[in-house]
Amino acid sequence: MEIDHREYFGAVEDFLREIQGLKVRSICMVALTDDPDTFDVVSAYDAGPMELAACAGILQMHAAYRYGEINRDPPGNSEDAEE
C-alpha cells in the first residue's frame, strides 16, 4: 500500500527526531479524525494502562497550557487595568 504525504508527517518526524537520543520504553500516539464512521485511532508500543493514563494526563496538561495561551489577555487589555 502506498502512503500519500500528509501535512502532519512533519510533526511525526520531528517527534521521532526529538526522542532519538532518549531511552524510550513506550510510545503512545493518538489520531483524531473527522470521519463519523471511524473511532479516533490510538497506537501504542509497549504501553499498558498506567502508561496510557500518564499520556492522558500529559495531554490534559498541554491542553490547559494552550487554552491559557489562547485566552491570555494582551498587555493593557485587561478589564482590571487602571485607566
N, C-alpha and C. Protein backbone atom coordinates (compact mmCIF):
# COMPACT_ATOMS: atom_id res chain seq x y z
N MET A 1 0.84 -1.18 0.00
CA MET A 1 0.00 0.00 0.00
C MET A 1 0.88 1.25 0.00
N GLU A 2 0.62 2.13 -0.90
CA GLU A 2 1.36 3.39 -0.98
C GLU A 2 0.74 4.41 -0.03
N ILE A 3 1.58 5.15 0.68
CA ILE A 3 1.11 6.15 1.63
C ILE A 3 1.30 7.53 1.03
N ASP A 4 0.22 8.30 0.95
CA ASP A 4 0.30 9.67 0.47
C ASP A 4 0.92 10.55 1.55
N HIS A 5 1.65 11.57 1.13
CA HIS A 5 2.24 12.51 2.08
C HIS A 5 1.12 13.41 2.64
N ARG A 6 1.12 13.58 3.94
CA ARG A 6 0.12 14.42 4.61
C ARG A 6 0.81 15.53 5.39
N GLU A 7 0.09 16.60 5.71
CA GLU A 7 0.66 17.74 6.43
C GLU A 7 1.23 17.36 7.79
N TYR A 8 0.67 16.38 8.45
CA TYR A 8 1.11 16.02 9.80
C TYR A 8 2.36 15.16 9.81
N PHE A 9 2.84 14.71 8.68
CA PHE A 9 4.04 13.87 8.65
C PHE A 9 5.23 14.57 9.30
N GLY A 10 5.36 15.87 9.08
CA GLY A 10 6.46 16.63 9.67
C GLY A 10 6.44 16.58 11.19
N ALA A 11 5.26 16.65 11.79
CA ALA A 11 5.15 16.59 13.25
C ALA A 11 5.58 15.22 13.77
N VAL A 12 5.22 14.16 13.06
CA VAL A 12 5.61 12.81 13.47
C VAL A 12 7.12 12.64 13.33
N GLU A 13 7.68 13.13 12.22
CA GLU A 13 9.12 13.03 12.02
C GLU A 13 9.89 13.84 13.06
N ASP A 14 9.40 15.04 13.39
CA ASP A 14 10.04 15.86 14.44
C ASP A 14 10.01 15.13 15.78
N PHE A 15 8.88 14.51 16.09
CA PHE A 15 8.75 13.75 17.34
C PHE A 15 9.79 12.63 17.40
N LEU A 16 9.92 11.88 16.31
CA LEU A 16 10.88 10.78 16.28
C LEU A 16 12.32 11.29 16.41
N ARG A 17 12.62 12.44 15.82
CA ARG A 17 13.96 13.02 15.97
C ARG A 17 14.21 13.46 17.42
N GLU A 18 13.20 14.05 18.05
CA GLU A 18 13.34 14.54 19.43
C GLU A 18 13.59 13.41 20.42
N ILE A 19 13.01 12.26 20.19
CA ILE A 19 13.16 11.15 21.15
C ILE A 19 14.32 10.23 20.82
N GLN A 20 14.99 10.48 19.70
CA GLN A 20 16.05 9.58 19.25
C GLN A 20 17.15 9.40 20.29
N GLY A 21 17.54 10.45 21.00
CA GLY A 21 18.61 10.36 21.99
C GLY A 21 18.15 9.93 23.37
N LEU A 22 16.85 9.66 23.54
CA LEU A 22 16.30 9.29 24.84
C LEU A 22 16.15 7.78 24.95
N LYS A 23 16.08 7.29 26.18
CA LYS A 23 15.83 5.87 26.40
C LYS A 23 14.31 5.66 26.46
N VAL A 24 13.72 5.43 25.31
CA VAL A 24 12.26 5.31 25.20
C VAL A 24 11.84 3.90 25.59
N ARG A 25 10.87 3.81 26.52
CA ARG A 25 10.39 2.49 26.93
C ARG A 25 8.99 2.19 26.42
N SER A 26 8.25 3.23 26.02
CA SER A 26 6.95 3.01 25.39
C SER A 26 6.57 4.26 24.61
N ILE A 27 5.68 4.07 23.64
CA ILE A 27 5.20 5.19 22.81
C ILE A 27 3.69 5.04 22.67
N CYS A 28 2.99 6.16 22.75
CA CYS A 28 1.55 6.20 22.51
C CYS A 28 1.27 7.34 21.53
N MET A 29 0.43 7.06 20.55
CA MET A 29 0.04 8.08 19.57
C MET A 29 -1.48 8.10 19.46
N VAL A 30 -2.02 9.28 19.27
CA VAL A 30 -3.47 9.44 19.12
C VAL A 30 -3.73 10.24 17.85
N ALA A 31 -4.64 9.76 17.03
CA ALA A 31 -5.06 10.50 15.85
C ALA A 31 -6.56 10.76 15.97
N LEU A 32 -6.93 12.01 15.92
CA LEU A 32 -8.34 12.39 15.98
C LEU A 32 -8.83 12.58 14.55
N THR A 33 -9.95 11.96 14.23
CA THR A 33 -10.46 12.01 12.87
C THR A 33 -11.79 12.75 12.82
N ASP A 34 -12.14 13.22 11.64
CA ASP A 34 -13.45 13.86 11.47
C ASP A 34 -14.42 12.93 10.75
N ASP A 35 -14.05 11.68 10.61
CA ASP A 35 -14.90 10.68 9.96
C ASP A 35 -15.85 10.10 11.01
N PRO A 36 -17.16 10.30 10.87
CA PRO A 36 -18.10 9.82 11.90
C PRO A 36 -18.16 8.29 12.00
N ASP A 37 -17.68 7.58 10.98
CA ASP A 37 -17.70 6.12 11.00
C ASP A 37 -16.41 5.52 11.54
N THR A 38 -15.46 6.37 11.92
CA THR A 38 -14.17 5.88 12.42
C THR A 38 -13.94 6.43 13.81
N PHE A 39 -13.64 5.54 14.74
CA PHE A 39 -13.26 5.99 16.07
C PHE A 39 -11.88 6.62 15.97
N ASP A 40 -11.56 7.50 16.89
CA ASP A 40 -10.22 8.05 16.93
C ASP A 40 -9.23 6.90 17.07
N VAL A 41 -8.08 7.05 16.48
CA VAL A 41 -7.10 5.97 16.40
C VAL A 41 -6.03 6.14 17.48
N VAL A 42 -5.78 5.08 18.22
CA VAL A 42 -4.73 5.06 19.22
C VAL A 42 -3.78 3.93 18.87
N SER A 43 -2.51 4.25 18.85
CA SER A 43 -1.50 3.23 18.60
C SER A 43 -0.50 3.29 19.74
N ALA A 44 -0.09 2.14 20.22
CA ALA A 44 0.84 2.12 21.36
C ALA A 44 1.90 1.05 21.16
N TYR A 45 3.10 1.37 21.61
CA TYR A 45 4.19 0.42 21.62
C TYR A 45 4.58 0.17 23.06
N ASP A 46 4.45 -1.05 23.53
CA ASP A 46 4.85 -1.47 24.88
C ASP A 46 4.25 -0.58 25.97
N ALA A 47 2.97 -0.23 25.81
CA ALA A 47 2.30 0.64 26.78
C ALA A 47 1.13 -0.11 27.40
N GLY A 48 1.10 -0.11 28.72
CA GLY A 48 -0.01 -0.70 29.46
C GLY A 48 -0.95 0.38 29.94
N PRO A 49 -1.88 0.03 30.81
CA PRO A 49 -2.86 1.01 31.28
C PRO A 49 -2.25 2.18 32.04
N MET A 50 -1.20 1.95 32.80
CA MET A 50 -0.60 3.05 33.54
C MET A 50 0.10 4.03 32.61
N GLU A 51 0.76 3.52 31.57
CA GLU A 51 1.41 4.41 30.60
C GLU A 51 0.36 5.21 29.82
N LEU A 52 -0.74 4.55 29.45
CA LEU A 52 -1.81 5.26 28.75
C LEU A 52 -2.42 6.35 29.63
N ALA A 53 -2.58 6.06 30.92
CA ALA A 53 -3.11 7.06 31.85
C ALA A 53 -2.14 8.24 31.98
N ALA A 54 -0.84 7.95 32.00
CA ALA A 54 0.16 9.02 32.07
C ALA A 54 0.06 9.89 30.82
N CYS A 55 -0.12 9.27 29.66
CA CYS A 55 -0.26 10.03 28.42
C CYS A 55 -1.49 10.92 28.46
N ALA A 56 -2.59 10.40 29.00
CA ALA A 56 -3.81 11.20 29.11
C ALA A 56 -3.56 12.43 29.98
N GLY A 57 -2.84 12.26 31.07
CA GLY A 57 -2.52 13.39 31.95
C GLY A 57 -1.66 14.42 31.24
N ILE A 58 -0.70 13.96 30.46
CA ILE A 58 0.18 14.87 29.72
C ILE A 58 -0.63 15.65 28.69
N LEU A 59 -1.54 14.97 27.99
CA LEU A 59 -2.39 15.65 27.02
C LEU A 59 -3.26 16.70 27.69
N GLN A 60 -3.79 16.39 28.88
CA GLN A 60 -4.60 17.37 29.62
C GLN A 60 -3.77 18.57 30.01
N MET A 61 -2.53 18.34 30.44
CA MET A 61 -1.65 19.44 30.82
C MET A 61 -1.37 20.34 29.62
N HIS A 62 -1.06 19.74 28.47
CA HIS A 62 -0.79 20.53 27.26
C HIS A 62 -2.04 21.30 26.83
N ALA A 63 -3.21 20.67 26.95
CA ALA A 63 -4.45 21.35 26.58
C ALA A 63 -4.69 22.55 27.48
N ALA A 64 -4.48 22.40 28.78
CA ALA A 64 -4.67 23.52 29.71
C ALA A 64 -3.70 24.64 29.41
N TYR A 65 -2.45 24.30 29.10
CA TYR A 65 -1.45 25.32 28.76
C TYR A 65 -1.86 26.08 27.50
N ARG A 66 -2.25 25.34 26.46
CA ARG A 66 -2.64 26.00 25.22
C ARG A 66 -3.91 26.83 25.39
N TYR A 67 -4.85 26.34 26.19
CA TYR A 67 -6.06 27.10 26.46
C TYR A 67 -5.71 28.42 27.13
N GLY A 68 -4.79 28.37 28.10
CA GLY A 68 -4.34 29.59 28.77
C GLY A 68 -3.64 30.54 27.82
N GLU A 69 -2.83 30.01 26.91
CA GLU A 69 -2.14 30.85 25.94
C GLU A 69 -3.13 31.54 25.00
N ILE A 70 -4.13 30.82 24.55
CA ILE A 70 -5.11 31.37 23.63
C ILE A 70 -5.96 32.44 24.31
N ASN A 71 -6.30 32.24 25.57
CA ASN A 71 -7.21 33.14 26.27
C ASN A 71 -6.51 34.21 27.11
N ARG A 72 -5.21 34.28 27.01
CA ARG A 72 -4.47 35.30 27.75
C ARG A 72 -4.77 36.67 27.16
N ASP A 73 -5.07 37.63 28.04
CA ASP A 73 -5.32 38.99 27.58
C ASP A 73 -4.01 39.62 27.12
N PRO A 74 -4.05 40.32 25.98
CA PRO A 74 -2.85 41.07 25.58
C PRO A 74 -2.55 42.15 26.61
N PRO A 75 -1.28 42.56 26.78
CA PRO A 75 -0.94 43.59 27.76
C PRO A 75 -1.76 44.85 27.53
N GLY A 76 -2.33 45.39 28.61
CA GLY A 76 -3.10 46.62 28.52
C GLY A 76 -4.56 46.43 28.18
N ASN A 77 -5.00 45.21 27.91
CA ASN A 77 -6.39 44.97 27.55
C ASN A 77 -7.18 44.32 28.67
N SER A 78 -6.61 44.16 29.83
CA SER A 78 -7.30 43.53 30.93
C SER A 78 -8.38 44.46 31.46
N GLU A 79 -9.52 43.89 31.87
CA GLU A 79 -10.60 44.69 32.43
C GLU A 79 -10.20 45.32 33.76
N ASP A 80 -9.24 44.69 34.44
CA ASP A 80 -8.81 45.21 35.73
C ASP A 80 -7.73 46.28 35.62
N ALA A 81 -7.25 46.55 34.39
CA ALA A 81 -6.17 47.51 34.22
C ALA A 81 -6.65 48.92 34.56
N GLU A 82 -5.76 49.68 35.19
CA GLU A 82 -6.09 51.05 35.52
C GLU A 82 -6.06 51.90 34.26
N GLU A 83 -6.98 52.85 34.20
CA GLU A 83 -7.03 53.72 33.01
C GLU A 83 -6.27 54.98 33.25
